[in-house]
Amino acid sequence: AAVPPQTDPENTDYTMEHGATRNFQAEKLLEEEEKRMQKEREEEELNNPMKVLENRTKDSKLEMEVLENLQELKELNQRQANVDFEAMLKQYKELEEEQRRKEQE
């Protein structure tokens, strides 16, 4: 028997009926937690002007760290793109052959 969905416009969601399970509950809980934390932050900033400055400083610091990490990743990708694997393999084979020659002598 199919379970018809019941809409919940207030929460822009669907209500759960008997026998149904929600597959994305964890994601929904995470979104609700983020909204709650954002609301708390906004309320705290309204009551404390110093907190606004602290939060801006934290946000700027976090943004700078993210940009630094992104730059490091770009540099790493660029270095990997410039690596000539064929030349490395050729050099490795030459070293192996040289070692074999020394062992045979």
N, C-alpha and C. Protein backbone atom coordinates (compact mmCIF):
# COMPACT_ATOMS: atom_id res chain seq x y z
N ALA A 1 0.84 -1.18 0.00
CA ALA A 1 0.00 0.00 0.00
C ALA A 1 0.89 1.24 0.00
N ALA A 2 0.59 2.14 -0.89
CA ALA A 2 1.37 3.37 -1.01
C ALA A 2 0.99 4.34 0.10
N VAL A 3 1.97 5.10 0.55
CA VAL A 3 1.74 6.10 1.58
C VAL A 3 1.74 7.46 0.89
N PRO A 4 0.58 8.12 0.83
CA PRO A 4 0.55 9.43 0.17
C PRO A 4 1.28 10.47 1.02
N PRO A 5 2.10 11.32 0.40
CA PRO A 5 2.82 12.34 1.18
C PRO A 5 1.88 13.44 1.65
N GLN A 6 2.12 13.88 2.86
CA GLN A 6 1.37 15.01 3.42
C GLN A 6 2.34 16.19 3.52
N THR A 7 1.98 17.29 2.89
CA THR A 7 2.87 18.45 2.90
C THR A 7 2.77 19.21 4.21
N ASP A 8 3.88 19.85 4.56
CA ASP A 8 3.96 20.68 5.76
C ASP A 8 4.51 22.03 5.32
N PRO A 9 3.63 22.93 4.82
CA PRO A 9 4.10 24.21 4.27
C PRO A 9 4.83 25.08 5.30
N GLU A 10 4.46 24.96 6.57
CA GLU A 10 5.08 25.79 7.60
C GLU A 10 6.59 25.54 7.68
N ASN A 11 6.99 24.28 7.54
CA ASN A 11 8.40 23.91 7.63
C ASN A 11 8.99 23.57 6.26
N THR A 12 8.25 23.83 5.21
CA THR A 12 8.64 23.47 3.83
C THR A 12 9.20 22.05 3.80
N ASP A 13 8.35 21.12 4.22
CA ASP A 13 8.76 19.72 4.35
C ASP A 13 7.53 18.84 4.17
N TYR A 14 7.72 17.57 4.37
CA TYR A 14 6.63 16.61 4.37
C TYR A 14 6.50 16.04 5.77
N THR A 15 5.27 15.76 6.19
CA THR A 15 5.06 15.13 7.49
C THR A 15 5.18 13.63 7.33
N MET A 16 5.66 12.99 8.37
CA MET A 16 5.85 11.55 8.35
C MET A 16 4.55 10.86 8.78
N GLU A 17 4.21 9.82 8.07
CA GLU A 17 3.03 9.03 8.43
C GLU A 17 3.50 7.68 8.94
N HIS A 18 2.57 6.91 9.45
CA HIS A 18 2.92 5.60 10.01
C HIS A 18 3.53 4.69 8.94
N GLY A 19 4.59 4.01 9.32
CA GLY A 19 5.23 3.08 8.40
C GLY A 19 6.24 3.70 7.46
N ALA A 20 6.35 5.00 7.44
CA ALA A 20 7.30 5.66 6.54
C ALA A 20 8.58 5.99 7.29
N THR A 21 9.69 6.00 6.58
CA THR A 21 10.96 6.40 7.18
C THR A 21 11.57 7.51 6.33
N ARG A 22 12.32 8.36 7.00
CA ARG A 22 12.95 9.49 6.32
C ARG A 22 14.40 9.11 6.01
N ASN A 23 14.77 9.20 4.75
CA ASN A 23 16.12 8.82 4.33
C ASN A 23 17.15 9.92 4.57
N PHE A 24 16.73 11.15 4.65
CA PHE A 24 17.67 12.27 4.73
C PHE A 24 17.58 13.00 6.06
N GLN A 25 17.26 12.27 7.13
CA GLN A 25 17.07 12.89 8.44
C GLN A 25 18.36 13.57 8.92
N ALA A 26 19.50 12.95 8.74
CA ALA A 26 20.75 13.53 9.23
C ALA A 26 21.03 14.88 8.57
N GLU A 27 20.80 14.97 7.27
CA GLU A 27 21.03 16.23 6.56
C GLU A 27 20.06 17.31 7.06
N LYS A 28 18.84 16.92 7.29
CA LYS A 28 17.83 17.87 7.78
C LYS A 28 18.21 18.38 9.17
N LEU A 29 18.68 17.47 10.04
CA LEU A 29 19.09 17.87 11.38
C LEU A 29 20.29 18.81 11.32
N LEU A 30 21.21 18.55 10.42
CA LEU A 30 22.37 19.42 10.26
C LEU A 30 21.94 20.81 9.81
N GLU A 31 21.02 20.88 8.86
CA GLU A 31 20.52 22.18 8.40
C GLU A 31 19.84 22.94 9.52
N GLU A 32 19.03 22.23 10.32
CA GLU A 32 18.34 22.87 11.44
C GLU A 32 19.34 23.39 12.46
N GLU A 33 20.39 22.61 12.73
CA GLU A 33 21.42 23.03 13.68
C GLU A 33 22.15 24.27 13.17
N GLU A 34 22.46 24.32 11.89
CA GLU A 34 23.13 25.48 11.31
C GLU A 34 22.24 26.72 11.41
N LYS A 35 20.94 26.55 11.14
CA LYS A 35 20.01 27.68 11.25
C LYS A 35 19.94 28.18 12.69
N ARG A 36 19.91 27.23 13.64
CA ARG A 36 19.82 27.59 15.05
C ARG A 36 21.08 28.36 15.47
N MET A 37 22.24 27.88 15.05
CA MET A 37 23.49 28.54 15.41
C MET A 37 23.57 29.93 14.78
N GLN A 38 23.12 30.07 13.54
CA GLN A 38 23.12 31.38 12.88
C GLN A 38 22.19 32.34 13.61
N LYS A 39 21.04 31.85 14.02
CA LYS A 39 20.08 32.69 14.74
C LYS A 39 20.66 33.14 16.08
N GLU A 40 21.31 32.22 16.79
CA GLU A 40 21.94 32.57 18.07
C GLU A 40 23.02 33.63 17.86
N ARG A 41 23.79 33.46 16.82
CA ARG A 41 24.86 34.41 16.53
C ARG A 41 24.29 35.80 16.25
N GLU A 42 23.23 35.85 15.44
CA GLU A 42 22.62 37.14 15.12
C GLU A 42 22.05 37.80 16.37
N GLU A 43 21.40 37.02 17.23
CA GLU A 43 20.85 37.59 18.47
C GLU A 43 21.96 38.10 19.37
N GLU A 44 23.04 37.35 19.46
CA GLU A 44 24.17 37.75 20.29
C GLU A 44 24.79 39.03 19.76
N GLU A 45 24.88 39.15 18.43
CA GLU A 45 25.46 40.35 17.84
C GLU A 45 24.59 41.58 18.07
N LEU A 46 23.27 41.38 18.10
CA LEU A 46 22.37 42.50 18.36
C LEU A 46 22.58 43.05 19.76
N ASN A 47 22.86 42.18 20.71
CA ASN A 47 23.00 42.59 22.10
C ASN A 47 24.42 43.02 22.47
N ASN A 48 25.39 42.65 21.67
CA ASN A 48 26.77 42.92 22.03
C ASN A 48 27.56 43.39 20.80
N PRO A 49 27.77 44.70 20.68
CA PRO A 49 28.49 45.22 19.51
C PRO A 49 29.93 44.71 19.42
N MET A 50 30.54 44.38 20.55
CA MET A 50 31.90 43.85 20.55
C MET A 50 31.93 42.47 19.90
N LYS A 51 30.85 41.73 20.06
CA LYS A 51 30.77 40.38 19.49
C LYS A 51 30.75 40.46 17.96
N VAL A 52 30.15 41.52 17.43
CA VAL A 52 30.13 41.72 15.97
C VAL A 52 31.56 41.79 15.45
N LEU A 53 32.38 42.59 16.12
CA LEU A 53 33.77 42.75 15.72
C LEU A 53 34.53 41.43 15.86
N GLU A 54 34.30 40.72 16.97
CA GLU A 54 34.97 39.43 17.17
C GLU A 54 34.59 38.44 16.06
N ASN A 55 33.31 38.39 15.74
CA ASN A 55 32.85 37.46 14.70
C ASN A 55 33.41 37.83 13.33
N ARG A 56 33.49 39.11 13.04
CA ARG A 56 34.08 39.54 11.76
C ARG A 56 35.55 39.13 11.69
N THR A 57 36.25 39.30 12.81
CA THR A 57 37.66 38.91 12.86
C THR A 57 37.81 37.41 12.64
N LYS A 58 36.97 36.63 13.32
CA LYS A 58 37.02 35.17 13.15
C LYS A 58 36.71 34.79 11.71
N ASP A 59 35.69 35.42 11.14
CA ASP A 59 35.31 35.12 9.75
C ASP A 59 36.44 35.46 8.79
N SER A 60 37.08 36.61 9.01
CA SER A 60 38.19 37.02 8.14
C SER A 60 39.35 36.05 8.25
N LYS A 61 39.65 35.64 9.48
CA LYS A 61 40.75 34.70 9.70
C LYS A 61 40.45 33.37 9.02
N LEU A 62 39.22 32.90 9.17
CA LEU A 62 38.82 31.64 8.55
C LEU A 62 38.91 31.73 7.02
N GLU A 63 38.45 32.85 6.49
CA GLU A 63 38.49 33.05 5.04
C GLU A 63 39.94 33.07 4.54
N MET A 64 40.83 33.71 5.29
CA MET A 64 42.23 33.74 4.89
C MET A 64 42.84 32.34 4.92
N GLU A 65 42.49 31.54 5.94
CA GLU A 65 43.00 30.17 6.02
C GLU A 65 42.50 29.34 4.85
N VAL A 66 41.24 29.51 4.51
CA VAL A 66 40.66 28.77 3.39
C VAL A 66 41.37 29.16 2.09
N LEU A 67 41.61 30.45 1.91
CA LEU A 67 42.30 30.91 0.70
C LEU A 67 43.74 30.38 0.64
N GLU A 68 44.42 30.34 1.80
CA GLU A 68 45.77 29.80 1.84
C GLU A 68 45.77 28.32 1.46
N ASN A 69 44.82 27.58 2.02
CA ASN A 69 44.71 26.15 1.70
C ASN A 69 44.40 25.94 0.23
N LEU A 70 43.54 26.77 -0.30
CA LEU A 70 43.20 26.67 -1.72
C LEU A 70 44.43 26.96 -2.59
N GLN A 71 45.20 27.96 -2.20
CA GLN A 71 46.42 28.29 -2.94
C GLN A 71 47.41 27.13 -2.89
N GLU A 72 47.54 26.50 -1.71
CA GLU A 72 48.44 25.35 -1.58
C GLU A 72 48.00 24.21 -2.49
N LEU A 73 46.70 23.97 -2.54
CA LEU A 73 46.17 22.92 -3.40
C LEU A 73 46.43 23.22 -4.87
N LYS A 74 46.26 24.49 -5.25
CA LYS A 74 46.52 24.89 -6.63
C LYS A 74 47.99 24.66 -6.98
N GLU A 75 48.88 25.04 -6.06
CA GLU A 75 50.31 24.85 -6.31
C GLU A 75 50.65 23.37 -6.41
N LEU A 76 50.07 22.57 -5.55
CA LEU A 76 50.31 21.13 -5.58
C LEU A 76 49.83 20.52 -6.89
N ASN A 77 48.65 20.91 -7.32
CA ASN A 77 48.13 20.43 -8.60
C ASN A 77 49.01 20.86 -9.76
N GLN A 78 49.50 22.07 -9.69
CA GLN A 78 50.36 22.58 -10.75
C GLN A 78 51.68 21.80 -10.80
N ARG A 79 52.25 21.50 -9.63
CA ARG A 79 53.48 20.71 -9.59
C ARG A 79 53.25 19.31 -10.15
N GLN A 80 52.13 18.72 -9.78
CA GLN A 80 51.82 17.37 -10.26
C GLN A 80 51.58 17.38 -11.77
N ALA A 81 51.01 18.45 -12.26
CA ALA A 81 50.74 18.55 -13.70
C ALA A 81 52.05 18.66 -14.47
N ASN A 82 53.07 19.23 -13.85
CA ASN A 82 54.35 19.43 -14.53
C ASN A 82 55.27 18.21 -14.42
N VAL A 83 54.88 17.21 -13.66
CA VAL A 83 55.71 16.02 -13.49
C VAL A 83 55.60 15.16 -14.75
N ASP A 84 56.74 14.79 -15.29
CA ASP A 84 56.78 13.93 -16.47
C ASP A 84 57.02 12.50 -16.01
N PHE A 85 55.94 11.75 -15.90
CA PHE A 85 56.03 10.39 -15.37
C PHE A 85 56.83 9.48 -16.29
N GLU A 86 56.73 9.70 -17.58
CA GLU A 86 57.49 8.88 -18.52
C GLU A 86 58.99 9.06 -18.29
N ALA A 87 59.42 10.28 -18.11
CA ALA A 87 60.84 10.55 -17.87
C ALA A 87 61.29 9.93 -16.55
N MET A 88 60.43 9.98 -15.54
CA MET A 88 60.75 9.37 -14.26
C MET A 88 60.92 7.87 -14.40
N LEU A 89 60.00 7.22 -15.12
CA LEU A 89 60.09 5.78 -15.33
C LEU A 89 61.35 5.41 -16.10
N LYS A 90 61.67 6.21 -17.10
CA LYS A 90 62.87 5.96 -17.90
C LYS A 90 64.12 6.06 -17.02
N GLN A 91 64.16 7.09 -16.19
CA GLN A 91 65.30 7.28 -15.30
C GLN A 91 65.40 6.12 -14.31
N TYR A 92 64.27 5.66 -13.80
CA TYR A 92 64.26 4.53 -12.87
C TYR A 92 64.78 3.26 -13.55
N LYS A 93 64.34 3.01 -14.77
CA LYS A 93 64.80 1.83 -15.51
C LYS A 93 66.30 1.90 -15.77
N GLU A 94 66.81 3.09 -16.09
CA GLU A 94 68.24 3.26 -16.32
C GLU A 94 69.02 2.96 -15.05
N LEU A 95 68.52 3.42 -13.91
CA LEU A 95 69.19 3.14 -12.64
C LEU A 95 69.19 1.65 -12.34
N GLU A 96 68.07 0.99 -12.60
CA GLU A 96 67.98 -0.45 -12.38
C GLU A 96 69.00 -1.19 -13.25
N GLU A 97 69.08 -0.82 -14.52
CA GLU A 97 70.03 -1.46 -15.43
C GLU A 97 71.47 -1.23 -14.98
N GLU A 98 71.75 -0.03 -14.52
CA GLU A 98 73.09 0.28 -14.04
C GLU A 98 73.43 -0.57 -12.81
N GLN A 99 72.47 -0.74 -11.92
CA GLN A 99 72.70 -1.57 -10.74
C GLN A 99 72.92 -3.03 -11.13
N ARG A 100 72.19 -3.52 -12.10
CA ARG A 100 72.36 -4.90 -12.58
C ARG A 100 73.77 -5.10 -13.16
N ARG A 101 74.23 -4.10 -13.92
CA ARG A 101 75.57 -4.18 -14.51
C ARG A 101 76.64 -4.26 -13.42
N LYS A 102 76.46 -3.43 -12.38
CA LYS A 102 77.43 -3.43 -11.28
C LYS A 102 77.41 -4.77 -10.56
N GLU A 103 76.23 -5.35 -10.38
CA GLU A 103 76.11 -6.64 -9.71
C GLU A 103 76.75 -7.75 -10.54
N GLN A 104 76.66 -7.66 -11.84
CA GLN A 104 77.21 -8.69 -12.72
C GLN A 104 78.73 -8.62 -12.77
N GLU A 105 79.30 -7.47 -12.54
CA GLU A 105 80.76 -7.30 -12.61
C GLU A 105 81.45 -7.85 -11.41
